[in-house]
Amino acid sequence: MQEPHVLMYEIKDPLELNLSYMPFVKQGGLFIPTVETLSLGDRVMVELALPDKKEPLKFLGKVIWITPKNALHHVLPGVGVQFSGTNAEAIRNEIEAHLDNSIEIGGYTYGIMDESKK
């Protein structure tokens, strides 16, 4: 089996984490801005740096959507990654613990809008 592609993502502030996190994805997911060429279903190893953690979180994921460069209404090209592997639940819990619930993002996540939140 082919080794997963490595994606590194440094989140600089709580707003960026709130906008990147995808709670509506089964097992949880994260939008990762990138211009790298990936395909749906690709396995990736994500190294996620959070603002208040010294060591990055490392986890396996699967590409579940792609926002291409120059996509209509999207400012950031990137991929949606679903958490997978044996630590998927632990990663989801860790990320949710770092979310800032006082920041209202109105159902918006980088690359997608939840119409039910309008």
PDB file of N, CA and C in Angstrom:
ATOM      1  N   MET A   1       0.842  -1.184   0.000  1.00  0.00           N
ATOM      2  CA  MET A   1       0.000   0.000   0.000  1.00  0.00           C
ATOM      3  C   MET A   1       0.885   1.245   0.000  1.00  0.00           C
ATOM      4  N   GLN A   2       0.480   2.227  -0.755  1.00  0.00           N
ATOM      5  CA  GLN A   2       1.253   3.458  -0.885  1.00  0.00           C
ATOM      6  C   GLN A   2       1.228   4.261   0.407  1.00  0.00           C
ATOM      7  N   GLU A   3       2.375   4.839   0.737  1.00  0.00           N
ATOM      8  CA  GLU A   3       2.478   5.694   1.924  1.00  0.00           C
ATOM      9  C   GLU A   3       1.564   6.906   1.756  1.00  0.00           C
ATOM     10  N   PRO A   4       0.925   7.353   2.849  1.00  0.00           N
ATOM     11  CA  PRO A   4       0.059   8.533   2.734  1.00  0.00           C
ATOM     12  C   PRO A   4       0.871   9.802   2.474  1.00  0.00           C
ATOM     13  N   HIS A   5       0.267  10.715   1.757  1.00  0.00           N
ATOM     14  CA  HIS A   5       0.859  12.029   1.487  1.00  0.00           C
ATOM     15  C   HIS A   5       0.846  12.833   2.787  1.00  0.00           C
ATOM     16  N   VAL A   6       1.905  13.545   3.081  1.00  0.00           N
ATOM     17  CA  VAL A   6       1.983  14.340   4.311  1.00  0.00           C
ATOM     18  C   VAL A   6       1.511  15.765   4.039  1.00  0.00           C
ATOM     19  N   LEU A   7       0.564  16.225   4.854  1.00  0.00           N
ATOM     20  CA  LEU A   7       0.090  17.608   4.808  1.00  0.00           C
ATOM     21  C   LEU A   7       0.403  18.257   6.142  1.00  0.00           C
ATOM     22  N   MET A   8       1.032  19.419   6.115  1.00  0.00           N
ATOM     23  CA  MET A   8       1.302  20.166   7.338  1.00  0.00           C
ATOM     24  C   MET A   8       0.405  21.398   7.352  1.00  0.00           C
ATOM     25  N   TYR A   9      -0.214  21.625   8.502  1.00  0.00           N
ATOM     26  CA  TYR A   9      -1.122  22.760   8.632  1.00  0.00           C
ATOM     27  C   TYR A   9      -0.897  23.405   9.992  1.00  0.00           C
ATOM     28  N   GLU A  10      -0.497  24.667   9.969  1.00  0.00           N
ATOM     29  CA  GLU A  10      -0.297  25.417  11.205  1.00  0.00           C
ATOM     30  C   GLU A  10      -1.472  26.367  11.396  1.00  0.00           C
ATOM     31  N   ILE A  11      -2.243  26.135  12.449  1.00  0.00           N
ATOM     32  CA  ILE A  11      -3.364  26.996  12.774  1.00  0.00           C
ATOM     33  C   ILE A  11      -2.858  28.068  13.730  1.00  0.00           C
ATOM     34  N   LYS A  12      -3.054  29.322  13.348  1.00  0.00           N
ATOM     35  CA  LYS A  12      -2.453  30.424  14.089  1.00  0.00           C
ATOM     36  C   LYS A  12      -3.348  31.008  15.185  1.00  0.00           C
ATOM     37  N   ASP A  13      -4.681  30.833  15.065  1.00  0.00           N
ATOM     38  CA  ASP A  13      -5.567  31.417  16.075  1.00  0.00           C
ATOM     39  C   ASP A  13      -6.873  30.633  16.154  1.00  0.00           C
ATOM     40  N   PRO A  14      -7.661  30.860  17.213  1.00  0.00           N
ATOM     41  CA  PRO A  14      -8.912  30.112  17.399  1.00  0.00           C
ATOM     42  C   PRO A  14      -9.915  30.275  16.257  1.00  0.00           C
ATOM     43  N   LEU A  15     -10.005  31.451  15.656  1.00  0.00           N
ATOM     44  CA  LEU A  15     -10.930  31.647  14.545  1.00  0.00           C
ATOM     45  C   LEU A  15     -10.592  30.704  13.394  1.00  0.00           C
ATOM     46  N   GLU A  16      -9.312  30.600  13.080  1.00  0.00           N
ATOM     47  CA  GLU A  16      -8.897  29.722  11.989  1.00  0.00           C
ATOM     48  C   GLU A  16      -9.260  28.261  12.295  1.00  0.00           C
ATOM     49  N   LEU A  17      -9.094  27.844  13.546  1.00  0.00           N
ATOM     50  CA  LEU A  17      -9.468  26.476  13.919  1.00  0.00           C
ATOM     51  C   LEU A  17     -10.976  26.292  13.766  1.00  0.00           C
ATOM     52  N   ASN A  18     -11.756  27.242  14.251  1.00  0.00           N
ATOM     53  CA  ASN A  18     -13.212  27.143  14.121  1.00  0.00           C
ATOM     54  C   ASN A  18     -13.638  27.059  12.655  1.00  0.00           C
ATOM     55  N   LEU A  19     -12.986  27.827  11.793  1.00  0.00           N
ATOM     56  CA  LEU A  19     -13.328  27.813  10.375  1.00  0.00           C
ATOM     57  C   LEU A  19     -12.854  26.549   9.664  1.00  0.00           C
ATOM     58  N   SER A  20     -11.817  25.919  10.179  1.00  0.00           N
ATOM     59  CA  SER A  20     -11.255  24.736   9.534  1.00  0.00           C
ATOM     60  C   SER A  20     -11.947  23.442   9.963  1.00  0.00           C
ATOM     61  N   TYR A  21     -12.465  23.413  11.183  1.00  0.00           N
ATOM     62  CA  TYR A  21     -13.054  22.189  11.720  1.00  0.00           C
ATOM     63  C   TYR A  21     -14.394  21.880  11.050  1.00  0.00           C
ATOM     64  N   MET A  22     -14.624  20.609  10.752  1.00  0.00           N
ATOM     65  CA  MET A  22     -15.856  20.174  10.093  1.00  0.00           C
ATOM     66  C   MET A  22     -16.583  19.155  10.980  1.00  0.00           C
ATOM     67  N   PRO A  23     -17.417  19.629  11.925  1.00  0.00           N
ATOM     68  CA  PRO A  23     -18.091  18.716  12.838  1.00  0.00           C
ATOM     69  C   PRO A  23     -19.149  17.855  12.168  1.00  0.00           C
ATOM     70  N   PHE A  24     -19.602  18.258  10.983  1.00  0.00           N
ATOM     71  CA  PHE A  24     -20.655  17.539  10.273  1.00  0.00           C
ATOM     72  C   PHE A  24     -20.141  16.315   9.517  1.00  0.00           C
ATOM     73  N   VAL A  25     -18.833  16.110   9.508  1.00  0.00           N
ATOM     74  CA  VAL A  25     -18.243  14.941   8.845  1.00  0.00           C
ATOM     75  C   VAL A  25     -18.191  13.782   9.839  1.00  0.00           C
ATOM     76  N   LYS A  26     -18.629  12.604   9.405  1.00  0.00           N
ATOM     77  CA  LYS A  26     -18.590  11.426  10.270  1.00  0.00           C
ATOM     78  C   LYS A  26     -17.160  11.222  10.756  1.00  0.00           C
ATOM     79  N   GLN A  27     -16.967  11.064  12.043  1.00  0.00           N
ATOM     80  CA  GLN A  27     -15.679  10.943  12.733  1.00  0.00           C
ATOM     81  C   GLN A  27     -14.946  12.274  12.841  1.00  0.00           C
ATOM     82  N   GLY A  28     -15.491  13.333  12.254  1.00  0.00           N
ATOM     83  CA  GLY A  28     -14.855  14.645  12.290  1.00  0.00           C
ATOM     84  C   GLY A  28     -13.936  14.860  11.101  1.00  0.00           C
ATOM     85  N   GLY A  29     -13.674  16.108  10.825  1.00  0.00           N
ATOM     86  CA  GLY A  29     -12.816  16.421   9.696  1.00  0.00           C
ATOM     87  C   GLY A  29     -12.277  17.829   9.800  1.00  0.00           C
ATOM     88  N   LEU A  30     -11.390  18.142   8.881  1.00  0.00           N
ATOM     89  CA  LEU A  30     -10.705  19.425   8.884  1.00  0.00           C
ATOM     90  C   LEU A  30     -10.493  19.861   7.449  1.00  0.00           C
ATOM     91  N   PHE A  31     -10.750  21.148   7.189  1.00  0.00           N
ATOM     92  CA  PHE A  31     -10.393  21.708   5.894  1.00  0.00           C
ATOM     93  C   PHE A  31      -8.953  22.177   5.991  1.00  0.00           C
ATOM     94  N   ILE A  32      -8.126  21.740   5.063  1.00  0.00           N
ATOM     95  CA  ILE A  32      -6.709  22.101   5.078  1.00  0.00           C
ATOM     96  C   ILE A  32      -6.381  22.879   3.807  1.00  0.00           C
ATOM     97  N   PRO A  33      -6.082  24.169   3.951  1.00  0.00           N
ATOM     98  CA  PRO A  33      -5.698  24.946   2.775  1.00  0.00           C
ATOM     99  C   PRO A  33      -4.410  24.386   2.161  1.00  0.00           C
ATOM    100  N   THR A  34      -4.437  24.153   0.871  1.00  0.00           N
ATOM    101  CA  THR A  34      -3.252  23.672   0.162  1.00  0.00           C
ATOM    102  C   THR A  34      -3.449  23.861  -1.335  1.00  0.00           C
ATOM    103  N   VAL A  35      -2.355  24.011  -2.047  1.00  0.00           N
ATOM    104  CA  VAL A  35      -2.399  24.045  -3.510  1.00  0.00           C
ATOM    105  C   VAL A  35      -1.850  22.740  -4.078  1.00  0.00           C
ATOM    106  N   GLU A  36      -1.532  21.795  -3.194  1.00  0.00           N
ATOM    107  CA  GLU A  36      -1.033  20.501  -3.641  1.00  0.00           C
ATOM    108  C   GLU A  36      -2.132  19.749  -4.385  1.00  0.00           C
ATOM    109  N   THR A  37      -1.745  18.940  -5.365  1.00  0.00           N
ATOM    110  CA  THR A  37      -2.697  18.168  -6.140  1.00  0.00           C
ATOM    111  C   THR A  37      -2.951  16.830  -5.456  1.00  0.00           C
ATOM    112  N   LEU A  38      -4.178  16.661  -4.992  1.00  0.00           N
ATOM    113  CA  LEU A  38      -4.605  15.424  -4.346  1.00  0.00           C
ATOM    114  C   LEU A  38      -5.896  14.975  -5.009  1.00  0.00           C
ATOM    115  N   SER A  39      -6.262  13.723  -4.795  1.00  0.00           N
ATOM    116  CA  SER A  39      -7.483  13.169  -5.374  1.00  0.00           C
ATOM    117  C   SER A  39      -8.420  12.705  -4.275  1.00  0.00           C
ATOM    118  N   LEU A  40      -9.714  12.657  -4.580  1.00  0.00           N
ATOM    119  CA  LEU A  40     -10.679  12.130  -3.629  1.00  0.00           C
ATOM    120  C   LEU A  40     -10.280  10.714  -3.237  1.00  0.00           C
ATOM    121  N   GLY A  41     -10.354  10.431  -1.950  1.00  0.00           N
ATOM    122  CA  GLY A  41     -10.008   9.106  -1.454  1.00  0.00           C
ATOM    123  C   GLY A  41      -8.548   8.936  -1.084  1.00  0.00           C
ATOM    124  N   ASP A  42      -7.698   9.906  -1.441  1.00  0.00           N
ATOM    125  CA  ASP A  42      -6.275   9.810  -1.082  1.00  0.00           C
ATOM    126  C   ASP A  42      -6.117   9.738   0.429  1.00  0.00           C
ATOM    127  N   ARG A  43      -5.213   8.890   0.874  1.00  0.00           N
ATOM    128  CA  ARG A  43      -4.851   8.836   2.293  1.00  0.00           C
ATOM    129  C   ARG A  43      -3.796   9.899   2.554  1.00  0.00           C
ATOM    130  N   VAL A  44      -3.941  10.621   3.669  1.00  0.00           N
ATOM    131  CA  VAL A  44      -2.976  11.651   4.028  1.00  0.00           C
ATOM    132  C   VAL A  44      -2.575  11.500   5.492  1.00  0.00           C
ATOM    133  N   MET A  45      -1.362  11.893   5.793  1.00  0.00           N
ATOM    134  CA  MET A  45      -0.888  12.009   7.170  1.00  0.00           C
ATOM    135  C   MET A  45      -0.834  13.501   7.448  1.00  0.00           C
ATOM    136  N   VAL A  46      -1.642  13.952   8.413  1.00  0.00           N
ATOM    137  CA  VAL A  46      -1.722  15.376   8.736  1.00  0.00           C
ATOM    138  C   VAL A  46      -0.890  15.659   9.973  1.00  0.00           C
ATOM    139  N   GLU A  47      -0.074  16.696   9.883  1.00  0.00           N
ATOM    140  CA  GLU A  47       0.656  17.220  11.034  1.00  0.00           C
ATOM    141  C   GLU A  47       0.062  18.591  11.317  1.00  0.00           C
ATOM    142  N   LEU A  48      -0.749  18.646  12.381  1.00  0.00           N
ATOM    143  CA  LEU A  48      -1.522  19.839  12.704  1.00  0.00           C
ATOM    144  C   LEU A  48      -0.920  20.561  13.899  1.00  0.00           C
ATOM    145  N   ALA A  49      -0.450  21.794  13.670  1.00  0.00           N
ATOM    146  CA  ALA A  49       0.093  22.619  14.754  1.00  0.00           C
ATOM    147  C   ALA A  49      -1.019  23.529  15.266  1.00  0.00           C
ATOM    148  N   LEU A  50      -1.311  23.422  16.554  1.00  0.00           N
ATOM    149  CA  LEU A  50      -2.307  24.277  17.199  1.00  0.00           C
ATOM    150  C   LEU A  50      -1.593  25.370  17.977  1.00  0.00           C
ATOM    151  N   PRO A  51      -2.223  26.539  18.152  1.00  0.00           N
ATOM    152  CA  PRO A  51      -1.551  27.683  18.769  1.00  0.00           C
ATOM    153  C   PRO A  51      -0.951  27.420  20.150  1.00  0.00           C
ATOM    154  N   ASP A  52      -1.608  26.628  20.976  1.00  0.00           N
ATOM    155  CA  ASP A  52      -1.133  26.477  22.351  1.00  0.00           C
ATOM    156  C   ASP A  52      -0.505  25.110  22.635  1.00  0.00           C
ATOM    157  N   LYS A  53      -0.156  24.386  21.584  1.00  0.00           N
ATOM    158  CA  LYS A  53       0.485  23.082  21.774  1.00  0.00           C
ATOM    159  C   LYS A  53       1.894  23.104  21.186  1.00  0.00           C
ATOM    160  N   LYS A  54       2.840  22.553  21.938  1.00  0.00           N
ATOM    161  CA  LYS A  54       4.228  22.534  21.461  1.00  0.00           C
ATOM    162  C   LYS A  54       4.435  21.493  20.366  1.00  0.00           C
ATOM    163  N   GLU A  55       3.819  20.327  20.530  1.00  0.00           N
ATOM    164  CA  GLU A  55       3.971  19.242  19.555  1.00  0.00           C
ATOM    165  C   GLU A  55       2.755  19.204  18.631  1.00  0.00           C
ATOM    166  N   PRO A  56       2.968  19.001  17.326  1.00  0.00           N
ATOM    167  CA  PRO A  56       1.821  18.911  16.420  1.00  0.00           C
ATOM    168  C   PRO A  56       1.034  17.619  16.643  1.00  0.00           C
ATOM    169  N   LEU A  57      -0.268  17.681  16.380  1.00  0.00           N
ATOM    170  CA  LEU A  57      -1.090  16.473  16.360  1.00  0.00           C
ATOM    171  C   LEU A  57      -0.822  15.782  15.033  1.00  0.00           C
ATOM    172  N   LYS A  58      -0.630  14.493  15.071  1.00  0.00           N
ATOM    173  CA  LYS A  58      -0.413  13.735  13.839  1.00  0.00           C
ATOM    174  C   LYS A  58      -1.514  12.697  13.729  1.00  0.00           C
ATOM    175  N   PHE A  59      -2.152  12.678  12.556  1.00  0.00           N
ATOM    176  CA  PHE A  59      -3.236  11.722  12.364  1.00  0.00           C
ATOM    177  C   PHE A  59      -3.416  11.385  10.892  1.00  0.00           C
ATOM    178  N   LEU A  60      -4.009  10.217  10.668  1.00  0.00           N
ATOM    179  CA  LEU A  60      -4.340   9.784   9.316  1.00  0.00           C
ATOM    180  C   LEU A  60      -5.701  10.330   8.935  1.00  0.00           C
ATOM    181  N   GLY A  61      -5.862  10.591   7.667  1.00  0.00           N
ATOM    182  CA  GLY A  61      -7.141  11.058   7.167  1.00  0.00           C
ATOM    183  C   GLY A  61      -7.336  10.639   5.722  1.00  0.00           C
ATOM    184  N   LYS A  62      -8.532  10.927   5.242  1.00  0.00           N
ATOM    185  CA  LYS A  62      -8.880  10.615   3.862  1.00  0.00           C
ATOM    186  C   LYS A  62      -9.456  11.871   3.225  1.00  0.00           C
ATOM    187  N   VAL A  63      -9.013  12.190   2.017  1.00  0.00           N
ATOM    188  CA  VAL A  63      -9.515  13.356   1.292  1.00  0.00           C
ATOM    189  C   VAL A  63     -10.951  13.067   0.862  1.00  0.00           C
ATOM    190  N   ILE A  64     -11.897  13.910   1.351  1.00  0.00           N
ATOM    191  CA  ILE A  64     -13.303  13.699   1.024  1.00  0.00           C
ATOM    192  C   ILE A  64     -13.881  14.806   0.147  1.00  0.00           C
ATOM    193  N   TRP A  65     -13.167  15.905  -0.004  1.00  0.00           N
ATOM    194  CA  TRP A  65     -13.543  16.891  -1.009  1.00  0.00           C
ATOM    195  C   TRP A  65     -12.360  17.758  -1.340  1.00  0.00           C
ATOM    196  N   ILE A  66     -12.463  18.385  -2.500  1.00  0.00           N
ATOM    197  CA  ILE A  66     -11.385  19.237  -3.002  1.00  0.00           C
ATOM    198  C   ILE A  66     -11.977  20.575  -3.422  1.00  0.00           C
ATOM    199  N   THR A  67     -11.398  21.653  -2.921  1.00  0.00           N
ATOM    200  CA  THR A  67     -11.742  22.990  -3.389  1.00  0.00           C
ATOM    201  C   THR A  67     -10.559  23.448  -4.244  1.00  0.00           C
ATOM    202  N   PRO A  68     -10.745  23.460  -5.571  1.00  0.00           N
ATOM    203  CA  PRO A  68      -9.615  23.800  -6.442  1.00  0.00           C
ATOM    204  C   PRO A  68      -9.275  25.284  -6.409  1.00  0.00           C
ATOM    205  N   LYS A  69      -8.082  25.585  -6.868  1.00  0.00           N
ATOM    206  CA  LYS A  69      -7.668  26.975  -7.017  1.00  0.00           C
ATOM    207  C   LYS A  69      -8.653  27.642  -7.971  1.00  0.00           C
ATOM    208  N   ASN A  70      -9.035  28.880  -7.691  1.00  0.00           N
ATOM    209  CA  ASN A  70      -9.968  29.661  -8.508  1.00  0.00           C
ATOM    210  C   ASN A  70     -11.392  29.127  -8.495  1.00  0.00           C
ATOM    211  N   ALA A  71     -11.774  28.383  -7.464  1.00  0.00           N
ATOM    212  CA  ALA A  71     -13.151  27.894  -7.365  1.00  0.00           C
ATOM    213  C   ALA A  71     -14.094  29.065  -7.122  1.00  0.00           C
ATOM    214  N   LEU A  72     -15.258  29.016  -7.719  1.00  0.00           N
ATOM    215  CA  LEU A  72     -16.247  30.067  -7.559  1.00  0.00           C
ATOM    216  C   LEU A  72     -16.669  30.194  -6.096  1.00  0.00           C
ATOM    217  N   HIS A  73     -16.676  31.385  -5.554  1.00  0.00           N
ATOM    218  CA  HIS A  73     -17.099  31.702  -4.187  1.00  0.00           C
ATOM    219  C   HIS A  73     -16.184  31.144  -3.103  1.00  0.00           C
ATOM    220  N   HIS A  74     -15.068  30.605  -3.450  1.00  0.00           N
ATOM    221  CA  HIS A  74     -14.167  30.061  -2.436  1.00  0.00           C
ATOM    222  C   HIS A  74     -12.861  30.841  -2.484  1.00  0.00           C
ATOM    223  N   VAL A  75     -12.434  31.298  -1.343  1.00  0.00           N
ATOM    224  CA  VAL A  75     -11.210  32.092  -1.317  1.00  0.00           C
ATOM    225  C   VAL A  75      -9.988  31.217  -1.110  1.00  0.00           C
ATOM    226  N   LEU A  76     -10.163  30.048  -0.516  1.00  0.00           N
ATOM    227  CA  LEU A  76      -9.020  29.193  -0.217  1.00  0.00           C
ATOM    228  C   LEU A  76      -9.089  27.871  -0.966  1.00  0.00           C
ATOM    229  N   PRO A  77      -8.065  27.562  -1.751  1.00  0.00           N
ATOM    230  CA  PRO A  77      -8.008  26.210  -2.298  1.00  0.00           C
ATOM    231  C   PRO A  77      -7.570  25.254  -1.189  1.00  0.00           C
ATOM    232  N   GLY A  78      -8.015  24.028  -1.262  1.00  0.00           N
ATOM    233  CA  GLY A  78      -7.613  23.066  -0.239  1.00  0.00           C
ATOM    234  C   GLY A  78      -8.406  21.781  -0.323  1.00  0.00           C
ATOM    235  N   VAL A  79      -8.272  20.984   0.729  1.00  0.00           N
ATOM    236  CA  VAL A  79      -8.942  19.694   0.776  1.00  0.00           C
ATOM    237  C   VAL A  79      -9.662  19.523   2.114  1.00  0.00           C
ATOM    238  N   GLY A  80     -10.773  18.821   2.060  1.00  0.00           N
ATOM    239  CA  GLY A  80     -11.470  18.398   3.270  1.00  0.00           C
ATOM    240  C   GLY A  80     -10.963  17.017   3.615  1.00  0.00           C
ATOM    241  N   VAL A  81     -10.495  16.847   4.839  1.00  0.00           N
ATOM    242  CA  VAL A  81      -9.919  15.575   5.273  1.00  0.00           C
ATOM    243  C   VAL A  81     -10.765  15.008   6.406  1.00  0.00           C
ATOM    244  N   GLN A  82     -11.239  13.778   6.221  1.00  0.00           N
ATOM    245  CA  GLN A  82     -11.977  13.068   7.260  1.00  0.00           C
ATOM    246  C   GLN A  82     -10.977  12.333   8.133  1.00  0.00           C
ATOM    247  N   PHE A  83     -11.132  12.459   9.463  1.00  0.00           N
ATOM    248  CA  PHE A  83     -10.240  11.742  10.372  1.00  0.00           C
ATOM    249  C   PHE A  83     -10.462  10.245  10.197  1.00  0.00           C
ATOM    250  N   SER A  84      -9.378   9.484  10.194  1.00  0.00           N
ATOM    251  CA  SER A  84      -9.483   8.033  10.102  1.00  0.00           C
ATOM    252  C   SER A  84      -8.388   7.412  10.955  1.00  0.00           C
ATOM    253  N   GLY A  85      -8.376   6.120  11.009  1.00  0.00           N
ATOM    254  CA  GLY A  85      -7.361   5.449  11.810  1.00  0.00           C
ATOM    255  C   GLY A  85      -7.834   5.222  13.228  1.00  0.00           C
ATOM    256  N   THR A  86      -6.997   4.567  14.002  1.00  0.00           N
ATOM    257  CA  THR A  86      -7.371   4.167  15.358  1.00  0.00           C
ATOM    258  C   THR A  86      -7.511   5.349  16.312  1.00  0.00           C
ATOM    259  N   ASN A  87      -6.892   6.483  16.012  1.00  0.00           N
ATOM    260  CA  ASN A  87      -6.980   7.625  16.919  1.00  0.00           C
ATOM    261  C   ASN A  87      -7.939   8.710  16.428  1.00  0.00           C
ATOM    262  N   ALA A  88      -8.827   8.397  15.488  1.00  0.00           N
ATOM    263  CA  ALA A  88      -9.737   9.399  14.923  1.00  0.00           C
ATOM    264  C   ALA A  88     -10.585  10.063  16.005  1.00  0.00           C
ATOM    265  N   GLU A  89     -11.148   9.276  16.914  1.00  0.00           N
ATOM    266  CA  GLU A  89     -11.993   9.850  17.968  1.00  0.00           C
ATOM    267  C   GLU A  89     -11.179  10.726  18.914  1.00  0.00           C
ATOM    268  N   ALA A  90      -9.968  10.294  19.251  1.00  0.00           N
ATOM    269  CA  ALA A  90      -9.105  11.080  20.139  1.00  0.00           C
ATOM    270  C   ALA A  90      -8.725  12.402  19.472  1.00  0.00           C
ATOM    271  N   ILE A  91      -8.451  12.383  18.175  1.00  0.00           N
ATOM    272  CA  ILE A  91      -8.106  13.609  17.447  1.00  0.00           C
ATOM    273  C   ILE A  91      -9.310  14.550  17.432  1.00  0.00           C
ATOM    274  N   ARG A  92     -10.489  13.994  17.142  1.00  0.00           N
ATOM    275  CA  ARG A  92     -11.703  14.821  17.141  1.00  0.00           C
ATOM    276  C   ARG A  92     -11.897  15.470  18.511  1.00  0.00           C
ATOM    277  N   ASN A  93     -11.759  14.703  19.577  1.00  0.00           N
ATOM    278  CA  ASN A  93     -11.929  15.238  20.932  1.00  0.00           C
ATOM    279  C   ASN A  93     -10.894  16.316  21.250  1.00  0.00           C
ATOM    280  N   GLU A  94      -9.655  16.104  20.840  1.00  0.00           N
ATOM    281  CA  GLU A  94      -8.583  17.080  21.085  1.00  0.00           C
ATOM    282  C   GLU A  94      -8.881  18.395  20.362  1.00  0.00           C
ATOM    283  N   ILE A  95      -9.287  18.297  19.108  1.00  0.00           N
ATOM    284  CA  ILE A  95      -9.588  19.501  18.336  1.00  0.00           C
ATOM    285  C   ILE A  95     -10.807  20.215  18.927  1.00  0.00           C
ATOM    286  N   GLU A  96     -11.845  19.454  19.274  1.00  0.00           N
ATOM    287  CA  GLU A  96     -13.041  20.078  19.847  1.00  0.00           C
ATOM    288  C   GLU A  96     -12.720  20.785  21.163  1.00  0.00           C
ATOM    289  N   ALA A  97     -11.771  20.262  21.924  1.00  0.00           N
ATOM    290  CA  ALA A  97     -11.365  20.900  23.177  1.00  0.00           C
ATOM    291  C   ALA A  97     -10.688  22.245  22.929  1.00  0.00           C
ATOM    292  N   HIS A  98     -10.126  22.447  21.742  1.00  0.00           N
ATOM    293  CA  HIS A  98      -9.439  23.692  21.421  1.00  0.00           C
ATOM    294  C   HIS A  98     -10.325  24.700  20.685  1.00  0.00           C
ATOM    295  N   LEU A  99     -11.559  24.321  20.348  1.00  0.00           N
ATOM    296  CA  LEU A  99     -12.460  25.247  19.666  1.00  0.00           C
ATOM    297  C   LEU A  99     -12.869  26.366  20.620  1.00  0.00           C
ATOM    298  N   ASP A 100     -13.085  27.529  20.077  1.00  0.00           N
ATOM    299  CA  ASP A 100     -13.541  28.670  20.871  1.00  0.00           C
ATOM    300  C   ASP A 100     -15.026  28.866  20.579  1.00  0.00           C
ATOM    301  N   ASN A 101     -15.875  28.393  21.490  1.00  0.00           N
ATOM    302  CA  ASN A 101     -17.321  28.462  21.273  1.00  0.00           C
ATOM    303  C   ASN A 101     -17.879  29.872  21.354  1.00  0.00           C
ATOM    304  N   SER A 102     -17.071  30.835  21.781  1.00  0.00           N
ATOM    305  CA  SER A 102     -17.548  32.216  21.830  1.00  0.00           C
ATOM    306  C   SER A 102     -17.457  32.892  20.462  1.00  0.00           C
ATOM    307  N   ILE A 103     -16.785  32.246  19.514  1.00  0.00           N
ATOM    308  CA  ILE A 103     -16.648  32.806  18.165  1.00  0.00           C
ATOM    309  C   ILE A 103     -17.788  32.271  17.307  1.00  0.00           C
ATOM    310  N   GLU A 104     -18.635  33.175  16.820  1.00  0.00           N
ATOM    311  CA  GLU A 104     -19.763  32.784  15.983  1.00  0.00           C
ATOM    312  C   GLU A 104     -19.333  32.818  14.520  1.00  0.00           C
ATOM    313  N   ILE A 105     -19.375  31.658  13.881  1.00  0.00           N
ATOM    314  CA  ILE A 105     -18.983  31.592  12.469  1.00  0.00           C
ATOM    315  C   ILE A 105     -20.196  31.361  11.576  1.00  0.00           C
ATOM    316  N   GLY A 106     -21.396  31.306  12.176  1.00  0.00           N
ATOM    317  CA  GLY A 106     -22.631  31.246  11.399  1.00  0.00           C
ATOM    318  C   GLY A 106     -22.772  30.019  10.521  1.00  0.00           C
ATOM    319  N   GLY A 107     -22.222  28.886  10.939  1.00  0.00           N
ATOM    320  CA  GLY A 107     -22.342  27.671  10.148  1.00  0.00           C
ATOM    321  C   GLY A 107     -21.372  27.609   8.986  1.00  0.00           C
ATOM    322  N   TYR A 108     -20.492  28.600   8.886  1.00  0.00           N
ATOM    323  CA  TYR A 108     -19.532  28.626   7.773  1.00  0.00           C
ATOM    324  C   TYR A 108     -18.267  27.877   8.149  1.00  0.00           C
ATOM    325  N   THR A 109     -17.799  27.095   7.226  1.00  0.00           N
ATOM    326  CA  THR A 109     -16.501  26.435   7.335  1.00  0.00           C
ATOM    327  C   THR A 109     -15.763  26.767   6.048  1.00  0.00           C
ATOM    328  N   TYR A 110     -14.449  26.907   6.096  1.00  0.00           N
ATOM    329  CA  TYR A 110     -13.705  27.161   4.860  1.00  0.00           C
ATOM    330  C   TYR A 110     -14.221  26.225   3.775  1.00  0.00           C
ATOM    331  N   GLY A 111     -14.722  26.788   2.695  1.00  0.00           N
ATOM    332  CA  GLY A 111     -15.112  25.975   1.560  1.00  0.00           C
ATOM    333  C   GLY A 111     -16.531  25.465   1.567  1.00  0.00           C
ATOM    334  N   ILE A 112     -17.332  25.694   2.627  1.00  0.00           N
ATOM    335  CA  ILE A 112     -18.711  25.191   2.626  1.00  0.00           C
ATOM    336  C   ILE A 112     -19.558  26.018   3.583  1.00  0.00           C
ATOM    337  N   MET A 113     -20.832  26.148   3.269  1.00  0.00           N
ATOM    338  CA  MET A 113     -21.782  26.875   4.106  1.00  0.00           C
ATOM    339  C   MET A 113     -22.894  25.928   4.502  1.00  0.00           C
ATOM    340  N   ASP A 114     -23.225  25.852   5.778  1.00  0.00           N
ATOM    341  CA  ASP A 114     -24.333  25.038   6.271  1.00  0.00           C
ATOM    342  C   ASP A 114     -25.601  25.873   6.118  1.00  0.00           C
ATOM    343  N   GLU A 115     -26.428  25.538   5.147  1.00  0.00           N
ATOM    344  CA  GLU A 115     -27.637  26.318   4.851  1.00  0.00           C
ATOM    345  C   GLU A 115     -28.609  26.321   6.022  1.00  0.00           C
ATOM    346  N   SER A 116     -28.588  25.316   6.874  1.00  0.00           N
ATOM    347  CA  SER A 116     -29.533  25.274   7.989  1.00  0.00           C
ATOM    348  C   SER A 116     -29.216  26.322   9.049  1.00  0.00           C
ATOM    349  N   LYS A 117     -28.012  26.891   9.026  1.00  0.00           N
ATOM    350  CA  LYS A 117     -27.618  27.891  10.025  1.00  0.00           C
ATOM    351  C   LYS A 117     -28.003  29.314   9.612  1.00  0.00           C
ATOM    352  N   LYS A 118     -28.525  29.482   8.406  1.00  0.00           N
ATOM    353  CA  LYS A 118     -28.881  30.826   7.931  1.00  0.00           C
ATOM    354  C   LYS A 118     -30.104  31.350   8.612  1.00  0.00           C
TER     355      LYS A 118
END
